[in-house]
Protein backbone atom coordinates (compact mmCIF):
# COMPACT_ATOMS: atom_id res chain seq x y z
CA UNK A 1 18.18 10.29 18.12
CA UNK A 2 17.53 8.02 21.06
CA UNK A 3 19.34 4.80 21.89
CA UNK A 4 16.15 2.97 20.88
CA UNK A 5 16.29 4.56 17.40
CA UNK A 6 19.96 3.64 17.00
CA UNK A 7 19.33 0.05 18.12
CA UNK A 8 16.34 -0.28 15.79
CA UNK A 9 18.43 1.06 12.90
CA UNK A 10 21.22 -1.44 13.66
CA UNK A 11 18.73 -4.34 13.75
CA UNK A 12 17.19 -3.29 10.42
CA UNK A 13 20.68 -3.05 8.87
CA UNK A 14 21.66 -6.54 10.10
CA UNK A 15 18.43 -8.12 8.85
CA UNK A 16 18.74 -6.38 5.48
CA UNK A 17 22.40 -7.37 5.14
CA UNK A 18 21.65 -11.01 5.95
CA UNK A 19 18.71 -11.09 3.55
CA UNK A 20 20.86 -9.60 0.76
CA UNK A 21 23.60 -12.17 1.45
CA UNK A 22 21.02 -14.98 1.39
CA UNK A 23 19.54 -13.74 -1.90
CA UNK A 24 23.00 -13.38 -3.44
CA UNK A 25 23.98 -16.88 -2.28
CA UNK A 26 20.71 -18.34 -3.54
CA UNK A 27 21.16 -16.67 -6.93
CA UNK A 28 24.78 -17.84 -7.11
CA UNK A 29 23.68 -21.46 -6.53
CA UNK A 30 21.09 -21.15 -9.31
CA UNK A 31 23.72 -19.81 -11.70
CA UNK A 32 26.15 -22.58 -10.79
CA UNK A 33 23.46 -25.23 -11.39
CA UNK A 34 22.62 -23.82 -14.81
CA UNK A 35 24.73 -24.34 -17.90
CA UNK A 36 25.24 -20.58 -18.31
CA UNK A 37 28.57 -18.96 -17.62
CA UNK A 38 28.83 -15.58 -15.94
CA UNK A 39 30.12 -14.18 -19.25
CA UNK A 40 27.03 -15.45 -21.07
CA UNK A 41 24.75 -13.84 -18.49
CA UNK A 42 26.61 -10.54 -18.73
CA UNK A 43 26.39 -10.60 -22.54
CA UNK A 44 22.68 -11.35 -22.35
CA UNK A 45 21.94 -8.41 -20.05
CA UNK A 46 24.22 -6.01 -21.99
CA UNK A 47 22.15 -6.50 -25.13
CA UNK A 48 20.41 -3.26 -26.16
CA UNK A 49 16.78 -2.64 -27.03
CA UNK A 50 16.05 -1.40 -30.55
CA UNK A 51 13.12 0.68 -29.27
CA UNK A 52 14.72 2.70 -26.46
CA UNK A 53 18.44 1.75 -26.75
CA UNK A 54 18.62 0.81 -23.05
CA UNK A 55 20.22 -2.46 -21.97
CA UNK A 56 18.03 -5.48 -21.26
CA UNK A 57 18.75 -5.18 -17.53
CA UNK A 58 16.89 -1.85 -17.48
CA UNK A 59 13.69 -3.66 -18.47
CA UNK A 60 11.50 -5.30 -15.84
CA UNK A 61 10.27 -8.89 -15.90
CA UNK A 62 7.35 -7.87 -18.13
CA UNK A 63 9.68 -6.21 -20.65
CA UNK A 64 8.82 -2.58 -19.85
CA UNK A 65 11.81 -0.24 -19.69
CA UNK A 66 12.29 1.34 -16.27
CA UNK A 67 14.96 3.78 -17.40
CA UNK A 68 18.46 4.39 -16.12
CA UNK A 69 19.34 5.46 -12.58
CA UNK A 70 16.69 7.97 -11.49
CA UNK A 71 15.72 8.91 -15.05
CA UNK A 72 12.60 7.16 -16.35
CA UNK A 73 12.54 5.94 -19.94
CA UNK A 74 10.64 8.45 -22.06
CA UNK A 75 10.44 6.37 -25.25
CA UNK A 76 7.30 4.52 -24.17
CA UNK A 77 9.10 1.19 -24.50
CA UNK A 78 6.87 -1.48 -23.00
CA UNK A 79 8.53 -4.54 -24.52
CA UNK A 80 12.22 -5.38 -24.95
CA UNK A 81 13.14 -5.82 -28.61
CA UNK A 82 16.77 -6.83 -29.20
CA UNK A 83 18.80 -4.80 -31.69
């Protein structure tokens, strides 16, 4: 690995780290401005789906289940339905 590769890797890491911090800060501000507590948000995302039994957080913004970790959901769940 050349010095150029190492430098490029370090730059990518710094940019990614700053972007993640910015996104986290931006999200934190949105949460603080809302009337929701952190506990309410956690409870909301811990709710399970009656179709696939995965938590709400495993479903994308369209409701389709994306599975857990590297294991795709095999139930065919394409819409979150609370238990």
